[in-house]
Amino acid sequence: MLKRAFDIIVASLALLLLSPVYAVVGAYVAWRIGRPILFIQERAGRSGRPFRMYKFRTMTNARDSAGHLLPDDVRLTPAGRFLRSTSLDELPELWNIVLGQMSLVGPRPLLIRYLPRYNAEQARRHDVRPGLTGYAQINGRNALSWDDKLALDTWYVDNRTFLLDLRILLRTFTAIFDRRGISGTDHATMSEFMGTASPADRPDA
C-alpha cells in the first residue's frame, strides 16, 4: 500500500510539474519525427496481463517495398536518439503509473510475444507491476545480455523493499546523465528476446 500511494503521489505531481516539458517534447516530436507524437504498444503487465503503454515516438514508420517495417537502426531518427538518451521518451509512462498499470520501480514492461519464451524462473518478473525504471536499468540497461537482465529482474522481485525502490530511483538519475547502456550490442535499441532454456533443459546442466 505504501508503494502504491508513493507511486500515485509522485507520478501525479510529476505529470503536473512537467506539463511544460510534455508540451515542448510533443512539439519537438511532431516537428522532427512527425505525427502521431505518441507511441502506443501493448506490453505485458503484472501477471502477464496486457496493457497499453505510452511513450513519445522516437522512430519513423518507414517500410520496405513489401510493407515490412525497416530495422530499428534505420527508423530511429537523430531526434529519437536524443529522446532515448535523455529518457524523455519515457515520460508518458507516468500516466500508466497513475492508472495502476505500472509502478515507478519494477522490471521494465516487455513485449506480449515474449510471454511464452520465458522459463519458469524468468516468468516471475511478472509477479509485480512493471516499472518506469528498475534494478536492471541501473546495472547496465540495454548493454546487458537478456539472461543477465532477466536475472536482475527476478532478484528485484525477491528482494524488493521501499528503501530499495528509493535507491533505484536515485541511481536512475545518475544513469540518465551517464547515458550508458541505451543501446544493445550491435543493435540500435535491444535485440529480440528469443527465449532461454530452463537449467534442467540445458545440455550442460
C-alpha atoms as a PDB file:
ATOM      1  CA  MET A   1       0.000   0.000   0.000  1.00  0.00           C
ATOM      2  CA  LEU A   2       2.903   2.359   0.768  1.00  0.00           C
ATOM      3  CA  LYS A   3       4.458   1.658  -2.631  1.00  0.00           C
ATOM      4  CA  ARG A   4       1.187   2.290  -4.481  1.00  0.00           C
ATOM      5  CA  ALA A   5       0.496   5.504  -2.549  1.00  0.00           C
ATOM      6  CA  PHE A   6       4.024   6.697  -3.298  1.00  0.00           C
ATOM      7  CA  ASP A   7       3.566   5.869  -6.996  1.00  0.00           C
ATOM      8  CA  ILE A   8       0.319   7.832  -7.253  1.00  0.00           C
ATOM      9  CA  ILE A   9       1.624  10.894  -5.404  1.00  0.00           C
ATOM     10  CA  VAL A  10       4.952  11.123  -7.252  1.00  0.00           C
ATOM     11  CA  ALA A  11       3.529  10.331 -10.709  1.00  0.00           C
ATOM     12  CA  SER A  12       0.645  12.803 -10.288  1.00  0.00           C
ATOM     13  CA  LEU A  13       2.957  15.600  -9.120  1.00  0.00           C
ATOM     14  CA  ALA A  14       5.403  14.842 -11.924  1.00  0.00           C
ATOM     15  CA  LEU A  15       2.627  14.988 -14.533  1.00  0.00           C
ATOM     16  CA  LEU A  16       1.579  18.384 -13.199  1.00  0.00           C
ATOM     17  CA  LEU A  17       5.042  19.895 -12.793  1.00  0.00           C
ATOM     18  CA  LEU A  18       6.372  18.507 -16.070  1.00  0.00           C
ATOM     19  CA  SER A  19       3.409  19.614 -18.196  1.00  0.00           C
ATOM     20  CA  PRO A  20       5.532  22.335 -19.909  1.00  0.00           C
ATOM     21  CA  VAL A  21       8.146  19.674 -20.714  1.00  0.00           C
ATOM     22  CA  TYR A  22       5.433  17.458 -22.216  1.00  0.00           C
ATOM     23  CA  ALA A  23       4.333  20.338 -24.439  1.00  0.00           C
ATOM     24  CA  VAL A  24       7.877  21.077 -25.618  1.00  0.00           C
ATOM     25  CA  VAL A  25       8.773  17.433 -26.244  1.00  0.00           C
ATOM     26  CA  GLY A  26       5.469  16.834 -28.028  1.00  0.00           C
ATOM     27  CA  ALA A  27       6.094  19.792 -30.341  1.00  0.00           C
ATOM     28  CA  TYR A  28       9.668  18.591 -30.914  1.00  0.00           C
ATOM     29  CA  VAL A  29       8.484  15.086 -31.879  1.00  0.00           C
ATOM     30  CA  ALA A  30       5.837  16.483 -34.240  1.00  0.00           C
ATOM     31  CA  TRP A  31       8.450  18.728 -35.906  1.00  0.00           C
ATOM     32  CA  ARG A  32      11.395  16.336 -36.168  1.00  0.00           C
ATOM     33  CA  ILE A  33       9.729  12.907 -36.440  1.00  0.00           C
ATOM     34  CA  GLY A  34       6.089  13.555 -37.328  1.00  0.00           C
ATOM     35  CA  ARG A  35       2.705  12.557 -36.027  1.00  0.00           C
ATOM     36  CA  PRO A  36       1.420  10.811 -34.060  1.00  0.00           C
ATOM     37  CA  ILE A  37       3.635  12.088 -31.274  1.00  0.00           C
ATOM     38  CA  LEU A  38       2.888   9.114 -29.004  1.00  0.00           C
ATOM     39  CA  PHE A  39       3.966   5.524 -29.498  1.00  0.00           C
ATOM     40  CA  ILE A  40       1.343   3.187 -28.040  1.00  0.00           C
ATOM     41  CA  GLN A  41       2.033  -0.521 -27.734  1.00  0.00           C
ATOM     42  CA  GLU A  42       0.646  -3.450 -25.789  1.00  0.00           C
ATOM     43  CA  ARG A  43       3.073  -4.695 -23.138  1.00  0.00           C
ATOM     44  CA  ALA A  44       2.877  -7.413 -20.503  1.00  0.00           C
ATOM     45  CA  GLY A  45       1.964  -6.140 -17.042  1.00  0.00           C
ATOM     46  CA  ARG A  46       1.522  -7.780 -13.666  1.00  0.00           C
ATOM     47  CA  SER A  47       0.607 -11.484 -14.017  1.00  0.00           C
ATOM     48  CA  GLY A  48       1.290 -11.085 -17.740  1.00  0.00           C
ATOM     49  CA  ARG A  49      -1.882  -9.078 -18.330  1.00  0.00           C
ATOM     50  CA  PRO A  50      -1.606  -6.832 -21.414  1.00  0.00           C
ATOM     51  CA  PHE A  51      -1.895  -3.062 -21.122  1.00  0.00           C
ATOM     52  CA  ARG A  52      -1.329  -0.137 -23.483  1.00  0.00           C
ATOM     53  CA  MET A  53       1.974   1.579 -22.693  1.00  0.00           C
ATOM     54  CA  TYR A  54       2.548   5.193 -23.757  1.00  0.00           C
ATOM     55  CA  LYS A  55       5.859   6.693 -24.885  1.00  0.00           C
ATOM     56  CA  PHE A  56       6.928   9.619 -27.019  1.00  0.00           C
ATOM     57  CA  ARG A  57       7.612   8.433 -30.537  1.00  0.00           C
ATOM     58  CA  THR A  58      11.289   8.007 -31.477  1.00  0.00           C
ATOM     59  CA  MET A  59      11.080   6.099 -34.789  1.00  0.00           C
ATOM     60  CA  THR A  60       9.506   6.630 -38.168  1.00  0.00           C
ATOM     61  CA  ASN A  61       7.158   4.082 -39.755  1.00  0.00           C
ATOM     62  CA  ALA A  62       9.399   3.593 -42.806  1.00  0.00           C
ATOM     63  CA  ARG A  63       8.746   0.286 -44.594  1.00  0.00           C
ATOM     64  CA  ASP A  64      10.318  -1.697 -47.404  1.00  0.00           C
ATOM     65  CA  SER A  65       8.665  -2.461 -50.747  1.00  0.00           C
ATOM     66  CA  ALA A  66       6.902  -5.475 -49.203  1.00  0.00           C
ATOM     67  CA  GLY A  67       5.354  -3.326 -46.488  1.00  0.00           C
ATOM     68  CA  HIS A  68       7.570  -4.585 -43.658  1.00  0.00           C
ATOM     69  CA  LEU A  69       8.994  -2.126 -41.129  1.00  0.00           C
ATOM     70  CA  LEU A  70      12.648  -1.324 -41.710  1.00  0.00           C
ATOM     71  CA  PRO A  71      15.203  -2.228 -38.982  1.00  0.00           C
ATOM     72  CA  ASP A  72      15.249  -0.116 -35.822  1.00  0.00           C
ATOM     73  CA  ASP A  73      18.601   1.497 -36.651  1.00  0.00           C
ATOM     74  CA  VAL A  74      17.124   2.808 -39.909  1.00  0.00           C
ATOM     75  CA  ARG A  75      13.877   4.095 -38.394  1.00  0.00           C
ATOM     76  CA  LEU A  76      15.474   5.593 -35.285  1.00  0.00           C
ATOM     77  CA  THR A  77      15.995   9.275 -36.066  1.00  0.00           C
ATOM     78  CA  PRO A  78      18.639  11.612 -34.554  1.00  0.00           C
ATOM     79  CA  ALA A  79      15.808  13.282 -32.642  1.00  0.00           C
ATOM     80  CA  GLY A  80      14.704   9.865 -31.415  1.00  0.00           C
ATOM     81  CA  ARG A  81      18.227   9.014 -30.277  1.00  0.00           C
ATOM     82  CA  PHE A  82      18.287  12.219 -28.257  1.00  0.00           C
ATOM     83  CA  LEU A  83      14.949  11.439 -26.608  1.00  0.00           C
ATOM     84  CA  ARG A  84      16.108   7.924 -25.751  1.00  0.00           C
ATOM     85  CA  SER A  85      19.484   9.051 -24.410  1.00  0.00           C
ATOM     86  CA  THR A  86      17.780  11.520 -22.052  1.00  0.00           C
ATOM     87  CA  SER A  87      14.872   9.135 -21.272  1.00  0.00           C
ATOM     88  CA  LEU A  88      12.433  11.905 -22.234  1.00  0.00           C
ATOM     89  CA  ASP A  89      10.598   9.371 -24.401  1.00  0.00           C
ATOM     90  CA  GLU A  90       9.559   7.532 -21.218  1.00  0.00           C
ATOM     91  CA  LEU A  91       7.680  10.458 -19.632  1.00  0.00           C
ATOM     92  CA  PRO A  92       4.171   9.468 -20.859  1.00  0.00           C
ATOM     93  CA  GLU A  93       4.515   6.249 -18.825  1.00  0.00           C
ATOM     94  CA  LEU A  94       3.748   8.354 -15.751  1.00  0.00           C
ATOM     95  CA  TRP A  95       0.126   8.123 -16.885  1.00  0.00           C
ATOM     96  CA  ASN A  96       0.404   4.313 -16.877  1.00  0.00           C
ATOM     97  CA  ILE A  97       1.573   4.593 -13.266  1.00  0.00           C
ATOM     98  CA  VAL A  98      -1.419   6.722 -12.253  1.00  0.00           C
ATOM     99  CA  LEU A  99      -3.717   4.160 -13.909  1.00  0.00           C
ATOM    100  CA  GLY A 100      -2.148   1.398 -11.817  1.00  0.00           C
ATOM    101  CA  GLN A 101      -0.693  -0.464 -14.778  1.00  0.00           C
ATOM    102  CA  MET A 102       2.902   0.358 -13.862  1.00  0.00           C
ATOM    103  CA  SER A 103       4.978   1.392 -10.864  1.00  0.00           C
ATOM    104  CA  LEU A 104       7.849   3.849 -10.549  1.00  0.00           C
ATOM    105  CA  VAL A 105      10.181   0.901  -9.909  1.00  0.00           C
ATOM    106  CA  GLY A 106       9.917  -2.643 -11.230  1.00  0.00           C
ATOM    107  CA  PRO A 107      11.009  -4.824 -14.155  1.00  0.00           C
ATOM    108  CA  ARG A 108      10.584  -2.970 -17.433  1.00  0.00           C
ATOM    109  CA  PRO A 109       7.421  -3.954 -19.360  1.00  0.00           C
ATOM    110  CA  LEU A 110       8.318  -6.127 -22.324  1.00  0.00           C
ATOM    111  CA  LEU A 111       6.516  -7.302 -25.444  1.00  0.00           C
ATOM    112  CA  ILE A 112       3.494  -9.584 -25.230  1.00  0.00           C
ATOM    113  CA  ARG A 113       5.058 -12.064 -27.644  1.00  0.00           C
ATOM    114  CA  TYR A 114       7.864 -12.740 -25.161  1.00  0.00           C
ATOM    115  CA  LEU A 115       5.491 -14.308 -22.600  1.00  0.00           C
ATOM    116  CA  PRO A 116       5.747 -17.932 -23.837  1.00  0.00           C
ATOM    117  CA  ARG A 117       9.532 -17.589 -24.230  1.00  0.00           C
ATOM    118  CA  TYR A 118      10.361 -17.151 -20.534  1.00  0.00           C
ATOM    119  CA  ASN A 119      11.379 -20.119 -18.446  1.00  0.00           C
ATOM    120  CA  ALA A 120       9.673 -20.568 -15.073  1.00  0.00           C
ATOM    121  CA  GLU A 121      12.281 -18.503 -13.216  1.00  0.00           C
ATOM    122  CA  GLN A 122      12.213 -15.587 -15.678  1.00  0.00           C
ATOM    123  CA  ALA A 123       8.404 -15.524 -15.728  1.00  0.00           C
ATOM    124  CA  ARG A 124       8.441 -14.474 -12.054  1.00  0.00           C
ATOM    125  CA  ARG A 125       9.313 -10.961 -13.212  1.00  0.00           C
ATOM    126  CA  HIS A 126       5.559 -10.593 -13.747  1.00  0.00           C
ATOM    127  CA  ASP A 127       4.782 -11.160 -10.067  1.00  0.00           C
ATOM    128  CA  VAL A 128       4.968  -7.366  -9.621  1.00  0.00           C
ATOM    129  CA  ARG A 129       3.905  -4.332 -11.617  1.00  0.00           C
ATOM    130  CA  PRO A 130       6.388  -3.339 -14.341  1.00  0.00           C
ATOM    131  CA  GLY A 131       8.347  -0.167 -13.671  1.00  0.00           C
ATOM    132  CA  LEU A 132       9.363   3.118 -15.220  1.00  0.00           C
ATOM    133  CA  THR A 133      12.844   2.175 -14.028  1.00  0.00           C
ATOM    134  CA  GLY A 134      14.232  -0.941 -12.417  1.00  0.00           C
ATOM    135  CA  TYR A 135      17.172  -2.795 -10.944  1.00  0.00           C
ATOM    136  CA  ALA A 136      18.383  -3.891 -14.387  1.00  0.00           C
ATOM    137  CA  GLN A 137      18.221  -0.297 -15.658  1.00  0.00           C
ATOM    138  CA  ILE A 138      20.726   0.937 -13.061  1.00  0.00           C
ATOM    139  CA  ASN A 139      23.032  -2.030 -13.661  1.00  0.00           C
ATOM    140  CA  GLY A 140      23.631  -1.835 -17.387  1.00  0.00           C
ATOM    141  CA  ARG A 141      20.298  -1.227 -19.087  1.00  0.00           C
ATOM    142  CA  ASN A 142      20.285  -2.489 -22.693  1.00  0.00           C
ATOM    143  CA  ALA A 143      24.017  -3.282 -22.639  1.00  0.00           C
ATOM    144  CA  LEU A 144      23.184  -6.350 -20.517  1.00  0.00           C
ATOM    145  CA  SER A 145      22.529  -9.746 -22.032  1.00  0.00           C
ATOM    146  CA  TRP A 146      18.946 -10.948 -21.802  1.00  0.00           C
ATOM    147  CA  ASP A 147      19.916 -13.630 -19.269  1.00  0.00           C
ATOM    148  CA  ASP A 148      21.577 -11.048 -17.015  1.00  0.00           C
ATOM    149  CA  LYS A 149      18.741  -8.553 -17.378  1.00  0.00           C
ATOM    150  CA  LEU A 150      16.035 -11.090 -16.507  1.00  0.00           C
ATOM    151  CA  ALA A 151      18.094 -12.427 -13.590  1.00  0.00           C
ATOM    152  CA  LEU A 152      18.269  -8.896 -12.167  1.00  0.00           C
ATOM    153  CA  ASP A 153      14.508  -8.561 -12.633  1.00  0.00           C
ATOM    154  CA  THR A 154      13.799 -11.687 -10.586  1.00  0.00           C
ATOM    155  CA  TRP A 155      16.354 -10.606  -7.962  1.00  0.00           C
ATOM    156  CA  TYR A 156      14.336  -7.423  -7.548  1.00  0.00           C
ATOM    157  CA  VAL A 157      11.095  -9.399  -7.177  1.00  0.00           C
ATOM    158  CA  ASP A 158      12.654 -11.427  -4.347  1.00  0.00           C
ATOM    159  CA  ASN A 159      14.357  -8.527  -2.565  1.00  0.00           C
ATOM    160  CA  ARG A 160      12.100  -5.527  -3.140  1.00  0.00           C
ATOM    161  CA  THR A 161      11.618  -3.035  -0.331  1.00  0.00           C
ATOM    162  CA  PHE A 162      10.544   0.577  -0.224  1.00  0.00           C
ATOM    163  CA  LEU A 163      14.110   1.635   0.621  1.00  0.00           C
ATOM    164  CA  LEU A 164      15.461  -0.346  -2.332  1.00  0.00           C
ATOM    165  CA  ASP A 165      12.973   1.464  -4.590  1.00  0.00           C
ATOM    166  CA  LEU A 166      14.261   4.809  -3.325  1.00  0.00           C
ATOM    167  CA  ARG A 167      17.867   3.755  -4.006  1.00  0.00           C
ATOM    168  CA  ILE A 168      16.954   2.655  -7.528  1.00  0.00           C
ATOM    169  CA  LEU A 169      15.174   5.951  -8.228  1.00  0.00           C
ATOM    170  CA  LEU A 170      18.198   7.954  -7.054  1.00  0.00           C
ATOM    171  CA  ARG A 171      20.624   5.876  -9.105  1.00  0.00           C
ATOM    172  CA  THR A 172      18.352   6.188 -12.141  1.00  0.00           C
ATOM    173  CA  PHE A 173      19.094   9.909 -12.364  1.00  0.00           C
ATOM    174  CA  THR A 174      22.831   9.139 -12.430  1.00  0.00           C
ATOM    175  CA  ALA A 175      22.313   6.512 -15.127  1.00  0.00           C
ATOM    176  CA  ILE A 176      20.349   9.011 -17.241  1.00  0.00           C
ATOM    177  CA  PHE A 177      23.124  11.597 -17.098  1.00  0.00           C
ATOM    178  CA  ASP A 178      25.784   8.949 -17.859  1.00  0.00           C
ATOM    179  CA  ARG A 179      23.759   7.904 -20.936  1.00  0.00           C
ATOM    180  CA  ARG A 180      25.309   4.443 -20.838  1.00  0.00           C
ATOM    181  CA  GLY A 181      23.596   1.221 -21.869  1.00  0.00           C
ATOM    182  CA  ILE A 182      20.989   2.919 -24.057  1.00  0.00           C
ATOM    183  CA  SER A 183      21.586   0.529 -26.949  1.00  0.00           C
ATOM    184  CA  GLY A 184      22.264  -3.175 -27.012  1.00  0.00           C
ATOM    185  CA  THR A 185      25.415  -4.627 -28.516  1.00  0.00           C
ATOM    186  CA  ASP A 186      25.304  -4.231 -32.319  1.00  0.00           C
ATOM    187  CA  HIS A 187      21.701  -3.026 -32.095  1.00  0.00           C
ATOM    188  CA  ALA A 188      20.072   0.398 -32.073  1.00  0.00           C
ATOM    189  CA  THR A 189      17.793  -0.495 -29.177  1.00  0.00           C
ATOM    190  CA  MET A 190      17.829  -4.078 -27.860  1.00  0.00           C
ATOM    191  CA  SER A 191      17.926  -7.393 -29.666  1.00  0.00           C
ATOM    192  CA  GLU A 192      14.776  -9.504 -29.573  1.00  0.00           C
ATOM    193  CA  PHE A 193      14.420 -11.978 -26.719  1.00  0.00           C
ATOM    194  CA  MET A 194      14.146 -15.438 -28.243  1.00  0.00           C
ATOM    195  CA  GLY A 195      13.923 -17.441 -25.037  1.00  0.00           C
ATOM    196  CA  THR A 196      16.221 -19.218 -22.606  1.00  0.00           C
ATOM    197  CA  ALA A 197      16.037 -22.864 -21.630  1.00  0.00           C
ATOM    198  CA  SER A 198      15.422 -23.772 -18.006  1.00  0.00           C
ATOM    199  CA  PRO A 199      18.567 -25.022 -16.230  1.00  0.00           C
ATOM    200  CA  ALA A 200      17.247 -28.590 -16.296  1.00  0.00           C
ATOM    201  CA  ASP A 201      16.732 -28.353 -20.066  1.00  0.00           C
ATOM    202  CA  ARG A 202      20.282 -27.247 -20.875  1.00  0.00           C
ATOM    203  CA  PRO A 203      22.668 -29.863 -22.356  1.00  0.00           C
ATOM    204  CA  ASP A 204      25.383 -28.900 -19.852  1.00  0.00           C
ATOM    205  CA  ALA A 205      23.081 -28.986 -16.797  1.00  0.00           C
END
